[in-house]
Amino acid sequence: MEQKTNPMRHLDRLGIPYETHHYEGGALSGAEVARVQGQDPAEVFKTLVTVGAPKSYYVFLVPVTGDLDLKKAAASVGEKSVSMIKSAELLPLTGYVHGGCSPLCTKRPMRVTIDSSAQGHERIYFSAGKVGYQIEMAVADLPKAMDFKFADIAKPRPEEVR
């Protein structure tokens, strides 16, 4: 039986269609999740939380095939710089644990930026708010689900740079 998470209930309330995917094995890297699920890794996005000016927090979604470019991310939200939050801060700020952080329904409202590569896909996958659960939804429905903007914020992983 599927466990409903807050992001799933949020989408249900708004009447936004989505599919859920579940995988076993605890916290896996995003690339491992894509492989296990048979998904195109360019369509699987990881949720990263950063801090800029004191007490200014931001959520960024980037494909699991890349990493967050902190300089581009900062520029996209009008900050001089942003840095990743400490793992211990994630649960109190978002209500989510590492490996299960969703851009939807964070405990504290945060600005969301999604890498512009998402615009090249019909659907994307992201965390459903619990380790082992994903939401798959149409990119066209994202504006109905959350307030966000697209920006070029990802960089390729070092092992993928040629």
C-alpha atoms as a PDB file:
ATOM      1  CA  MET A   1       0.000   0.000   0.000  1.00  0.00           C
ATOM      2  CA  GLU A   2       1.303   3.438  -0.969  1.00  0.00           C
ATOM      3  CA  GLN A   3       2.057   5.893   1.807  1.00  0.00           C
ATOM      4  CA  LYS A   4       0.758   9.401   1.093  1.00  0.00           C
ATOM      5  CA  THR A   5       3.241  12.148   1.833  1.00  0.00           C
ATOM      6  CA  ASN A   6       2.486  15.853   2.267  1.00  0.00           C
ATOM      7  CA  PRO A   7       3.608  16.628  -1.311  1.00  0.00           C
ATOM      8  CA  MET A   8       1.264  13.913  -2.644  1.00  0.00           C
ATOM      9  CA  ARG A   9      -1.648  15.261  -0.575  1.00  0.00           C
ATOM     10  CA  HIS A  10      -0.821  18.786  -1.841  1.00  0.00           C
ATOM     11  CA  LEU A  11      -1.029  17.644  -5.467  1.00  0.00           C
ATOM     12  CA  ASP A  12      -4.237  15.703  -4.721  1.00  0.00           C
ATOM     13  CA  ARG A  13      -5.855  18.818  -3.172  1.00  0.00           C
ATOM     14  CA  LEU A  14      -4.924  20.863  -6.247  1.00  0.00           C
ATOM     15  CA  GLY A  15      -6.162  18.143  -8.617  1.00  0.00           C
ATOM     16  CA  ILE A  16      -2.776  17.919 -10.330  1.00  0.00           C
ATOM     17  CA  PRO A  17      -2.090  14.541 -11.947  1.00  0.00           C
ATOM     18  CA  TYR A  18       1.078  12.730 -10.914  1.00  0.00           C
ATOM     19  CA  GLU A  19       2.445   9.249 -10.549  1.00  0.00           C
ATOM     20  CA  THR A  20       4.385   7.898  -7.615  1.00  0.00           C
ATOM     21  CA  HIS A  21       7.312   5.532  -7.704  1.00  0.00           C
ATOM     22  CA  HIS A  22       8.693   3.589  -4.774  1.00  0.00           C
ATOM     23  CA  TYR A  23      12.047   1.909  -4.419  1.00  0.00           C
ATOM     24  CA  GLU A  24      13.575  -0.148  -1.627  1.00  0.00           C
ATOM     25  CA  GLY A  25      17.042   0.102  -0.233  1.00  0.00           C
ATOM     26  CA  GLY A  26      17.058   3.338   1.727  1.00  0.00           C
ATOM     27  CA  ALA A  27      18.953   6.435   0.653  1.00  0.00           C
ATOM     28  CA  LEU A  28      20.492   5.920  -2.765  1.00  0.00           C
ATOM     29  CA  SER A  29      22.165   8.514  -4.939  1.00  0.00           C
ATOM     30  CA  GLY A  30      19.882  10.080  -7.517  1.00  0.00           C
ATOM     31  CA  ALA A  31      21.737   8.312 -10.325  1.00  0.00           C
ATOM     32  CA  GLU A  32      21.276   4.957  -8.538  1.00  0.00           C
ATOM     33  CA  VAL A  33      17.558   5.661  -8.105  1.00  0.00           C
ATOM     34  CA  ALA A  34      17.215   6.420 -11.826  1.00  0.00           C
ATOM     35  CA  ARG A  35      19.052   3.197 -12.691  1.00  0.00           C
ATOM     36  CA  VAL A  36      17.010   1.043 -10.287  1.00  0.00           C
ATOM     37  CA  GLN A  37      13.753   2.580 -11.542  1.00  0.00           C
ATOM     38  CA  GLY A  38      14.715   2.398 -15.225  1.00  0.00           C
ATOM     39  CA  GLN A  39      14.341   6.183 -15.563  1.00  0.00           C
ATOM     40  CA  ASP A  40      16.252   8.601 -17.785  1.00  0.00           C
ATOM     41  CA  PRO A  41      18.666  10.238 -15.290  1.00  0.00           C
ATOM     42  CA  ALA A  42      18.309  13.583 -17.120  1.00  0.00           C
ATOM     43  CA  GLU A  43      14.640  13.585 -15.997  1.00  0.00           C
ATOM     44  CA  VAL A  44      15.363  12.738 -12.346  1.00  0.00           C
ATOM     45  CA  PHE A  45      15.974  15.841 -10.221  1.00  0.00           C
ATOM     46  CA  LYS A  46      17.528  16.135  -6.790  1.00  0.00           C
ATOM     47  CA  THR A  47      16.378  18.749  -4.286  1.00  0.00           C
ATOM     48  CA  LEU A  48      19.142  20.851  -2.734  1.00  0.00           C
ATOM     49  CA  VAL A  49      18.721  23.472  -0.013  1.00  0.00           C
ATOM     50  CA  THR A  50      21.072  26.427   0.353  1.00  0.00           C
ATOM     51  CA  VAL A  51      21.481  29.512   2.489  1.00  0.00           C
ATOM     52  CA  GLY A  52      22.411  32.966   1.221  1.00  0.00           C
ATOM     53  CA  ALA A  53      22.218  36.139   3.290  1.00  0.00           C
ATOM     54  CA  PRO A  54      21.484  35.410   6.947  1.00  0.00           C
ATOM     55  CA  LYS A  55      18.272  33.404   7.203  1.00  0.00           C
ATOM     56  CA  SER A  56      17.633  33.435   3.420  1.00  0.00           C
ATOM     57  CA  TYR A  57      17.079  29.846   2.299  1.00  0.00           C
ATOM     58  CA  TYR A  58      16.583  28.563  -1.230  1.00  0.00           C
ATOM     59  CA  VAL A  59      15.582  25.265  -2.842  1.00  0.00           C
ATOM     60  CA  PHE A  60      17.214  24.225  -6.113  1.00  0.00           C
ATOM     61  CA  LEU A  61      16.319  21.262  -8.321  1.00  0.00           C
ATOM     62  CA  VAL A  62      19.044  19.942 -10.601  1.00  0.00           C
ATOM     63  CA  PRO A  63      19.283  16.739 -12.634  1.00  0.00           C
ATOM     64  CA  VAL A  64      21.006  13.858 -10.859  1.00  0.00           C
ATOM     65  CA  THR A  65      23.461  13.828 -13.789  1.00  0.00           C
ATOM     66  CA  GLY A  66      24.921  17.125 -12.567  1.00  0.00           C
ATOM     67  CA  ASP A  67      25.644  19.265  -9.550  1.00  0.00           C
ATOM     68  CA  LEU A  68      24.481  22.672  -8.411  1.00  0.00           C
ATOM     69  CA  ASP A  69      26.669  25.508  -9.675  1.00  0.00           C
ATOM     70  CA  LEU A  70      26.701  27.687  -6.556  1.00  0.00           C
ATOM     71  CA  LYS A  71      27.678  30.857  -8.452  1.00  0.00           C
ATOM     72  CA  LYS A  72      24.876  30.453 -11.001  1.00  0.00           C
ATOM     73  CA  ALA A  73      22.453  29.521  -8.212  1.00  0.00           C
ATOM     74  CA  ALA A  74      23.336  32.646  -6.219  1.00  0.00           C
ATOM     75  CA  ALA A  75      22.936  34.862  -9.280  1.00  0.00           C
ATOM     76  CA  SER A  76      19.542  33.287 -10.049  1.00  0.00           C
ATOM     77  CA  VAL A  77      18.168  34.395  -6.664  1.00  0.00           C
ATOM     78  CA  GLY A  78      19.967  37.748  -6.489  1.00  0.00           C
ATOM     79  CA  GLU A  79      22.509  36.735  -3.842  1.00  0.00           C
ATOM     80  CA  LYS A  80      26.277  37.324  -3.854  1.00  0.00           C
ATOM     81  CA  SER A  81      26.774  33.719  -2.790  1.00  0.00           C
ATOM     82  CA  VAL A  82      24.903  30.693  -1.486  1.00  0.00           C
ATOM     83  CA  SER A  83      26.192  27.613   0.278  1.00  0.00           C
ATOM     84  CA  MET A  84      24.709  24.214   0.981  1.00  0.00           C
ATOM     85  CA  ILE A  85      23.065  23.972   4.401  1.00  0.00           C
ATOM     86  CA  LYS A  86      24.443  21.550   6.941  1.00  0.00           C
ATOM     87  CA  SER A  87      22.689  18.178   6.989  1.00  0.00           C
ATOM     88  CA  ALA A  88      21.607  18.757  10.603  1.00  0.00           C
ATOM     89  CA  GLU A  89      19.678  21.882   9.517  1.00  0.00           C
ATOM     90  CA  LEU A  90      17.666  20.108   6.817  1.00  0.00           C
ATOM     91  CA  LEU A  91      14.949  18.521   8.985  1.00  0.00           C
ATOM     92  CA  PRO A  92      14.203  21.601  11.140  1.00  0.00           C
ATOM     93  CA  LEU A  93      14.085  23.894   8.072  1.00  0.00           C
ATOM     94  CA  THR A  94      12.241  21.703   5.598  1.00  0.00           C
ATOM     95  CA  GLY A  95      10.585  18.909   7.565  1.00  0.00           C
ATOM     96  CA  TYR A  96      12.476  16.424   5.383  1.00  0.00           C
ATOM     97  CA  VAL A  97      15.521  14.213   5.864  1.00  0.00           C
ATOM     98  CA  HIS A  98      18.505  13.900   3.544  1.00  0.00           C
ATOM     99  CA  GLY A  99      17.531  11.744   0.569  1.00  0.00           C
ATOM    100  CA  GLY A 100      13.844  12.539   0.991  1.00  0.00           C
ATOM    101  CA  CYS A 101      13.693  16.313   0.568  1.00  0.00           C
ATOM    102  CA  SER A 102      10.915  17.571  -1.705  1.00  0.00           C
ATOM    103  CA  PRO A 103      10.518  21.074  -3.154  1.00  0.00           C
ATOM    104  CA  LEU A 104       6.822  20.877  -2.202  1.00  0.00           C
ATOM    105  CA  CYS A 105       5.421  21.607   1.262  1.00  0.00           C
ATOM    106  CA  THR A 106       8.622  22.621   3.016  1.00  0.00           C
ATOM    107  CA  LYS A 107       8.126  23.475   6.677  1.00  0.00           C
ATOM    108  CA  ARG A 108       9.516  26.948   6.044  1.00  0.00           C
ATOM    109  CA  PRO A 109       8.538  28.585   2.713  1.00  0.00           C
ATOM    110  CA  MET A 110      11.551  28.903   0.410  1.00  0.00           C
ATOM    111  CA  ARG A 111      12.089  30.205  -3.099  1.00  0.00           C
ATOM    112  CA  VAL A 112      12.373  27.336  -5.586  1.00  0.00           C
ATOM    113  CA  THR A 113      14.517  27.360  -8.723  1.00  0.00           C
ATOM    114  CA  ILE A 114      14.501  24.464 -11.183  1.00  0.00           C
ATOM    115  CA  ASP A 115      17.329  23.930 -13.647  1.00  0.00           C
ATOM    116  CA  SER A 116      16.255  25.082 -17.097  1.00  0.00           C
ATOM    117  CA  SER A 117      17.066  21.638 -18.536  1.00  0.00           C
ATOM    118  CA  ALA A 118      13.681  20.518 -17.129  1.00  0.00           C
ATOM    119  CA  GLN A 119      12.004  22.570 -19.865  1.00  0.00           C
ATOM    120  CA  GLY A 120      13.346  20.082 -22.423  1.00  0.00           C
ATOM    121  CA  HIS A 121      11.390  17.207 -20.875  1.00  0.00           C
ATOM    122  CA  GLU A 122       7.710  16.365 -20.869  1.00  0.00           C
ATOM    123  CA  ARG A 123       7.896  14.951 -17.326  1.00  0.00           C
ATOM    124  CA  ILE A 124      10.342  15.046 -14.427  1.00  0.00           C
ATOM    125  CA  TYR A 125      10.815  13.025 -11.251  1.00  0.00           C
ATOM    126  CA  PHE A 126      11.643  14.447  -7.826  1.00  0.00           C
ATOM    127  CA  SER A 127      11.387  13.377  -4.195  1.00  0.00           C
ATOM    128  CA  ALA A 128       7.926  12.850  -2.783  1.00  0.00           C
ATOM    129  CA  GLY A 129       9.118  13.873   0.691  1.00  0.00           C
ATOM    130  CA  LYS A 130      10.163  10.482   2.008  1.00  0.00           C
ATOM    131  CA  VAL A 131      13.208   8.357   1.269  1.00  0.00           C
ATOM    132  CA  GLY A 132      12.234   5.746  -1.302  1.00  0.00           C
ATOM    133  CA  TYR A 133       9.347   7.723  -2.837  1.00  0.00           C
ATOM    134  CA  GLN A 134       9.302   9.834  -6.000  1.00  0.00           C
ATOM    135  CA  ILE A 135       6.751  11.991  -7.746  1.00  0.00           C
ATOM    136  CA  GLU A 136       6.609  11.964 -11.540  1.00  0.00           C
ATOM    137  CA  MET A 137       4.692  14.853 -13.041  1.00  0.00           C
ATOM    138  CA  ALA A 138       4.353  16.870 -16.206  1.00  0.00           C
ATOM    139  CA  VAL A 139       6.646  19.877 -16.448  1.00  0.00           C
ATOM    140  CA  ALA A 140       3.627  21.819 -17.759  1.00  0.00           C
ATOM    141  CA  ASP A 141       1.869  21.209 -14.398  1.00  0.00           C
ATOM    142  CA  LEU A 142       4.741  22.445 -12.219  1.00  0.00           C
ATOM    143  CA  PRO A 143       3.448  26.078 -12.115  1.00  0.00           C
ATOM    144  CA  LYS A 144       0.135  24.800 -10.712  1.00  0.00           C
ATOM    145  CA  ALA A 145       1.974  22.920  -7.944  1.00  0.00           C
ATOM    146  CA  MET A 146       4.510  25.491  -6.748  1.00  0.00           C
ATOM    147  CA  ASP A 147       5.880  28.973  -7.188  1.00  0.00           C
ATOM    148  CA  PHE A 148       9.258  28.622  -8.890  1.00  0.00           C
ATOM    149  CA  LYS A 149      11.400  29.828 -11.750  1.00  0.00           C
ATOM    150  CA  PHE A 150      13.627  28.130 -14.280  1.00  0.00           C
ATOM    151  CA  ALA A 151      17.303  29.099 -14.449  1.00  0.00           C
ATOM    152  CA  ASP A 152      20.579  27.647 -15.691  1.00  0.00           C
ATOM    153  CA  ILE A 153      21.939  26.445 -12.332  1.00  0.00           C
ATOM    154  CA  ALA A 154      23.467  23.010 -12.996  1.00  0.00           C
ATOM    155  CA  LYS A 155      26.966  22.002 -13.919  1.00  0.00           C
ATOM    156  CA  PRO A 156      28.084  18.584 -15.130  1.00  0.00           C
ATOM    157  CA  ARG A 157      29.576  16.231 -12.562  1.00  0.00           C
ATOM    158  CA  PRO A 158      33.387  16.161 -12.730  1.00  0.00           C
ATOM    159  CA  GLU A 159      33.456  12.544 -13.947  1.00  0.00           C
ATOM    160  CA  GLU A 160      31.168  13.569 -16.842  1.00  0.00           C
ATOM    161  CA  VAL A 161      33.328  16.496 -17.994  1.00  0.00           C
ATOM    162  CA  ARG A 162      35.407  15.563 -21.011  1.00  0.00           C
END
